[in-house]
Amino acid sequence: MENKELLSTVSEYRSLVHQYQEKYGAHSLIVHALKLTFLSENFKYYPNQLEEFNEEFLDDLLSVRKLIKRMPAPHGNWEPMVVDSHTNLIHFDDDYYNRAYLPILSKYKDNVLRLAPQTLYDYEPFKWYLYVMGPQGDIVIFNQGFTPLEAFKNRDTLPKHALLAECFDLNVICAGEIFWTFDSRRNNVKFIINNKSGHFKPDYDHLHWCSELLCENFKTRIVKLS
């Protein structure tokens, strides 16, 4: 971006900020949203051409931070999952599941399969799969392998983890994505697992618990946490 064009963009930015400050007030949310939008786009695409405006932009960023600090923290945000204090299992809310997911279970249930050592060879290699681990260490996956890029482009064909947990009465040790491969002689399996589940939100302790049971049940010592 040439310096002349940058100056024009900054001038337009200043004009818009002034216009919205006059209309809504200097500390209004819309003014700060405008600042953030401009700053994020320009620092992203033109990081080396903004030095002369650094002080002005830093002041704008500080004003945004001050606004965020003044905003009241949300109270009583309801989550559809809870960790049982006795079993440490993660439970998904039954009523919410029955209302939001049970009606669409039939669309996915035929592809929700239990993973076992003897079935590992049946699935598409070098792919990730959605999984949940039940209370006894059993794992079910959704039989649609994907690459990270495929998941990024279109995740609509994949179910929510709550649908996989239906066979465990919505109680799981962990949930996320799983990948496995074999050594050259196909004797030893190597797993990579993560805890990427927005429905169950397992923490690292649940992920570690899952990895230990995975090693035990599949007779492997090689599990990488992602």
Protein backbone atom coordinates (compact mmCIF):
# COMPACT_ATOMS: atom_id res chain seq x y z
CA MET A 1 0.00 0.00 0.00
CA GLU A 2 1.52 3.33 -1.01
CA ASN A 3 1.93 6.03 1.61
CA LYS A 4 -0.59 8.30 -0.13
CA GLU A 5 -3.25 5.59 -0.01
CA LEU A 6 -2.46 4.88 3.63
CA LEU A 7 -2.84 8.56 4.50
CA SER A 8 -6.20 8.60 2.74
CA THR A 9 -7.36 5.53 4.68
CA VAL A 10 -6.25 6.99 8.02
CA SER A 11 -7.98 10.27 7.19
CA GLU A 12 -11.21 8.44 6.42
CA TYR A 13 -10.84 6.50 9.66
CA ARG A 14 -10.42 9.68 11.70
CA SER A 15 -13.43 11.24 10.03
CA LEU A 16 -15.64 8.21 10.79
CA VAL A 17 -14.48 8.04 14.40
CA HIS A 18 -15.21 11.75 14.84
CA GLN A 19 -18.63 11.36 13.19
CA TYR A 20 -19.65 8.48 15.46
CA GLN A 21 -18.23 10.17 18.55
CA GLU A 22 -20.36 13.23 17.82
CA LYS A 23 -23.45 11.08 17.33
CA TYR A 24 -23.10 8.39 19.98
CA GLY A 25 -20.45 9.63 22.41
CA ALA A 26 -16.70 8.99 22.72
CA HIS A 27 -17.13 5.87 24.82
CA SER A 28 -19.96 4.22 22.89
CA LEU A 29 -19.62 0.62 21.85
CA ILE A 30 -20.00 1.43 18.15
CA VAL A 31 -17.02 3.83 18.26
CA HIS A 32 -14.81 1.19 19.84
CA ALA A 33 -16.03 -1.43 17.39
CA LEU A 34 -15.05 0.90 14.55
CA LYS A 35 -11.60 1.39 16.07
CA LEU A 36 -11.05 -2.33 16.48
CA THR A 37 -12.20 -3.07 12.95
CA PHE A 38 -9.86 -0.50 11.44
CA LEU A 39 -6.89 -1.41 13.61
CA SER A 40 -7.17 -5.16 13.11
CA GLU A 41 -7.48 -4.88 9.33
CA ASN A 42 -4.63 -2.41 8.90
CA PHE A 43 -2.21 -4.04 11.29
CA LYS A 44 -2.92 -7.34 9.58
CA TYR A 45 -2.35 -6.21 6.01
CA TYR A 46 -0.01 -3.25 6.36
CA PRO A 47 2.11 -3.92 9.48
CA ASN A 48 5.21 -2.16 8.16
CA GLN A 49 3.62 1.09 7.06
CA LEU A 50 1.97 2.37 10.20
CA GLU A 51 4.94 3.51 12.31
CA GLU A 52 4.10 7.20 12.14
CA PHE A 53 0.60 6.52 13.50
CA ASN A 54 1.67 4.15 16.28
CA GLU A 55 1.04 6.62 19.11
CA GLU A 56 -2.44 7.49 17.86
CA PHE A 57 -3.38 3.83 17.32
CA LEU A 58 -1.95 2.81 20.70
CA ASP A 59 -4.17 5.41 22.38
CA ASP A 60 -7.16 3.93 20.52
CA LEU A 61 -6.28 0.43 21.64
CA LEU A 62 -5.95 1.60 25.24
CA SER A 63 -9.38 3.22 25.07
CA VAL A 64 -10.84 -0.08 23.89
CA ARG A 65 -9.18 -1.93 26.77
CA LYS A 66 -10.59 0.57 29.26
CA LEU A 67 -14.08 0.06 27.87
CA ILE A 68 -13.79 -3.72 28.19
CA LYS A 69 -12.66 -3.40 31.80
CA ARG A 70 -15.68 -1.23 32.58
CA MET A 71 -18.13 -3.65 31.03
CA PRO A 72 -19.88 -5.82 33.63
CA ALA A 73 -18.89 -9.46 33.66
CA PRO A 74 -21.71 -11.82 32.71
CA HIS A 75 -23.31 -13.65 35.60
CA GLY A 76 -25.10 -16.94 35.59
CA ASN A 77 -24.14 -17.98 32.08
CA TRP A 78 -25.70 -21.39 31.65
CA GLU A 79 -23.60 -24.19 30.21
CA PRO A 80 -25.16 -27.42 28.85
CA MET A 81 -22.50 -29.50 30.59
CA VAL A 82 -21.37 -30.07 34.17
CA VAL A 83 -18.58 -32.08 35.78
CA ASP A 84 -19.85 -34.54 38.38
CA SER A 85 -18.02 -33.87 41.64
CA HIS A 86 -17.99 -37.56 42.62
CA THR A 87 -17.16 -39.37 39.37
CA ASN A 88 -15.41 -36.50 37.56
CA LEU A 89 -17.40 -37.44 34.45
CA ILE A 90 -18.70 -34.69 32.21
CA HIS A 91 -22.47 -34.80 31.81
CA PHE A 92 -24.43 -33.07 29.07
CA ASP A 93 -27.79 -31.66 30.10
CA ASP A 94 -30.60 -34.15 29.36
CA ASP A 95 -33.35 -31.63 28.74
CA TYR A 96 -31.24 -29.58 26.38
CA TYR A 97 -30.15 -32.72 24.53
CA ASN A 98 -33.71 -33.99 24.18
CA ARG A 99 -34.86 -30.65 22.87
CA ALA A 100 -31.97 -29.76 20.54
CA TYR A 101 -30.35 -33.01 19.41
CA LEU A 102 -32.56 -36.03 19.94
CA PRO A 103 -34.80 -35.03 16.99
CA ILE A 104 -31.81 -35.23 14.60
CA LEU A 105 -30.13 -38.33 16.08
CA SER A 106 -31.46 -40.62 13.34
CA LYS A 107 -29.50 -38.61 10.76
CA TYR A 108 -26.18 -39.61 12.34
CA LYS A 109 -26.64 -42.72 14.50
CA ASP A 110 -25.73 -45.28 11.81
CA ASN A 111 -22.27 -43.74 11.59
CA VAL A 112 -21.64 -43.63 15.34
CA LEU A 113 -19.41 -46.67 15.83
CA ARG A 114 -17.48 -48.18 18.70
CA LEU A 115 -13.72 -48.16 18.14
CA ALA A 116 -11.84 -51.36 18.95
CA PRO A 117 -8.31 -52.67 18.23
CA GLN A 118 -9.63 -55.05 15.60
CA THR A 119 -11.61 -52.34 13.78
CA LEU A 120 -8.85 -49.74 13.44
CA TYR A 121 -7.99 -51.01 9.97
CA ASP A 122 -11.55 -50.53 8.74
CA TYR A 123 -11.42 -46.75 8.63
CA GLU A 124 -10.00 -44.29 6.14
CA PRO A 125 -6.28 -43.78 6.95
CA PHE A 126 -4.60 -40.47 7.75
CA LYS A 127 -7.84 -38.82 8.79
CA TRP A 128 -9.18 -37.28 11.99
CA TYR A 129 -12.43 -38.50 13.55
CA LEU A 130 -14.75 -37.06 16.17
CA TYR A 131 -14.75 -39.17 19.34
CA VAL A 132 -16.11 -39.39 22.85
CA MET A 133 -14.87 -41.70 25.59
CA GLY A 134 -17.43 -43.24 27.92
CA PRO A 135 -17.13 -43.92 31.66
CA GLN A 136 -15.42 -47.32 31.19
CA GLY A 137 -12.93 -46.12 28.61
CA ASP A 138 -14.93 -47.21 25.59
CA ILE A 139 -14.54 -44.94 22.57
CA VAL A 140 -17.11 -44.19 19.90
CA ILE A 141 -16.32 -42.22 16.78
CA PHE A 142 -18.28 -40.71 13.96
CA ASN A 143 -17.36 -42.63 10.83
CA GLN A 144 -16.50 -39.68 8.63
CA GLY A 145 -12.81 -38.95 8.51
CA PHE A 146 -11.62 -35.45 7.77
CA THR A 147 -8.47 -33.40 7.40
CA PRO A 148 -8.08 -30.16 9.37
CA LEU A 149 -8.58 -28.18 6.16
CA GLU A 150 -11.79 -30.06 5.33
CA ALA A 151 -13.13 -29.39 8.82
CA PHE A 152 -12.23 -25.72 8.54
CA LYS A 153 -13.98 -25.33 5.20
CA ASN A 154 -17.15 -27.23 6.07
CA ARG A 155 -18.02 -28.76 9.43
CA ASP A 156 -21.76 -28.86 8.77
CA THR A 157 -21.72 -32.57 7.84
CA LEU A 158 -20.25 -33.52 11.22
CA PRO A 159 -22.47 -34.03 14.27
CA LYS A 160 -22.09 -32.43 17.66
CA HIS A 161 -20.27 -34.45 20.28
CA ALA A 162 -23.45 -34.73 22.34
CA LEU A 163 -24.92 -37.00 19.65
CA LEU A 164 -21.98 -39.40 20.00
CA ALA A 165 -22.41 -39.46 23.77
CA GLU A 166 -26.00 -40.67 23.59
CA CYS A 167 -24.86 -44.30 23.97
CA PHE A 168 -23.14 -43.37 27.26
CA ASP A 169 -26.24 -41.61 28.67
CA LEU A 170 -24.46 -38.30 27.96
CA ASN A 171 -21.66 -39.05 30.46
CA VAL A 172 -18.11 -38.91 29.11
CA ILE A 173 -14.52 -38.83 30.26
CA CYS A 174 -13.44 -36.77 27.29
CA ALA A 175 -14.47 -35.66 23.80
CA GLY A 176 -12.62 -34.23 20.85
CA GLU A 177 -10.82 -35.45 17.74
CA ILE A 178 -8.70 -38.58 17.31
CA PHE A 179 -6.14 -39.67 14.71
CA TRP A 180 -4.18 -42.90 14.47
CA THR A 181 -1.53 -44.49 12.33
CA PHE A 182 0.54 -47.66 12.33
CA ASP A 183 4.22 -48.48 12.13
CA SER A 184 5.71 -49.97 8.95
CA ARG A 185 4.82 -53.52 9.96
CA ARG A 186 1.34 -52.46 11.13
CA ASN A 187 2.00 -53.99 14.52
CA ASN A 188 1.85 -50.91 16.71
CA VAL A 189 -0.74 -48.18 16.64
CA LYS A 190 0.02 -44.55 17.44
CA PHE A 191 -2.75 -42.19 18.52
CA ILE A 192 -3.08 -38.43 18.57
CA ILE A 193 -6.02 -37.06 20.51
CA ASN A 194 -7.24 -33.63 21.53
CA ASN A 195 -10.06 -32.19 23.65
CA LYS A 196 -11.66 -29.93 21.03
CA SER A 197 -15.30 -30.18 22.05
CA GLY A 198 -17.36 -27.08 22.61
CA HIS A 199 -20.20 -29.15 24.05
CA PHE A 200 -18.27 -31.00 26.77
CA LYS A 201 -15.30 -28.62 27.23
CA PRO A 202 -12.97 -31.25 28.73
CA ASP A 203 -9.89 -29.86 30.44
CA TYR A 204 -6.35 -31.23 30.28
CA ASP A 205 -6.95 -33.58 33.23
CA HIS A 206 -9.82 -35.24 31.37
CA LEU A 207 -7.69 -35.47 28.25
CA HIS A 208 -4.86 -37.11 30.22
CA TRP A 209 -7.31 -39.53 31.85
CA CYS A 210 -8.57 -40.41 28.38
CA SER A 211 -5.05 -41.02 27.07
CA GLU A 212 -4.24 -43.40 29.92
CA LEU A 213 -7.32 -45.52 29.25
CA LEU A 214 -6.61 -45.41 25.52
CA CYS A 215 -3.13 -46.85 26.13
CA GLU A 216 -4.56 -49.53 28.39
CA ASN A 217 -7.41 -50.58 26.10
CA PHE A 218 -5.44 -50.54 22.85
CA LYS A 219 -2.19 -51.93 24.29
CA THR A 220 -0.09 -48.99 23.19
CA ARG A 221 2.19 -46.59 25.01
CA ILE A 222 2.31 -44.02 22.25
CA VAL A 223 -0.36 -41.39 22.61
CA LYS A 224 0.26 -37.77 21.70
CA LEU A 225 -1.95 -35.07 23.16
CA SER A 226 -2.70 -32.33 20.68
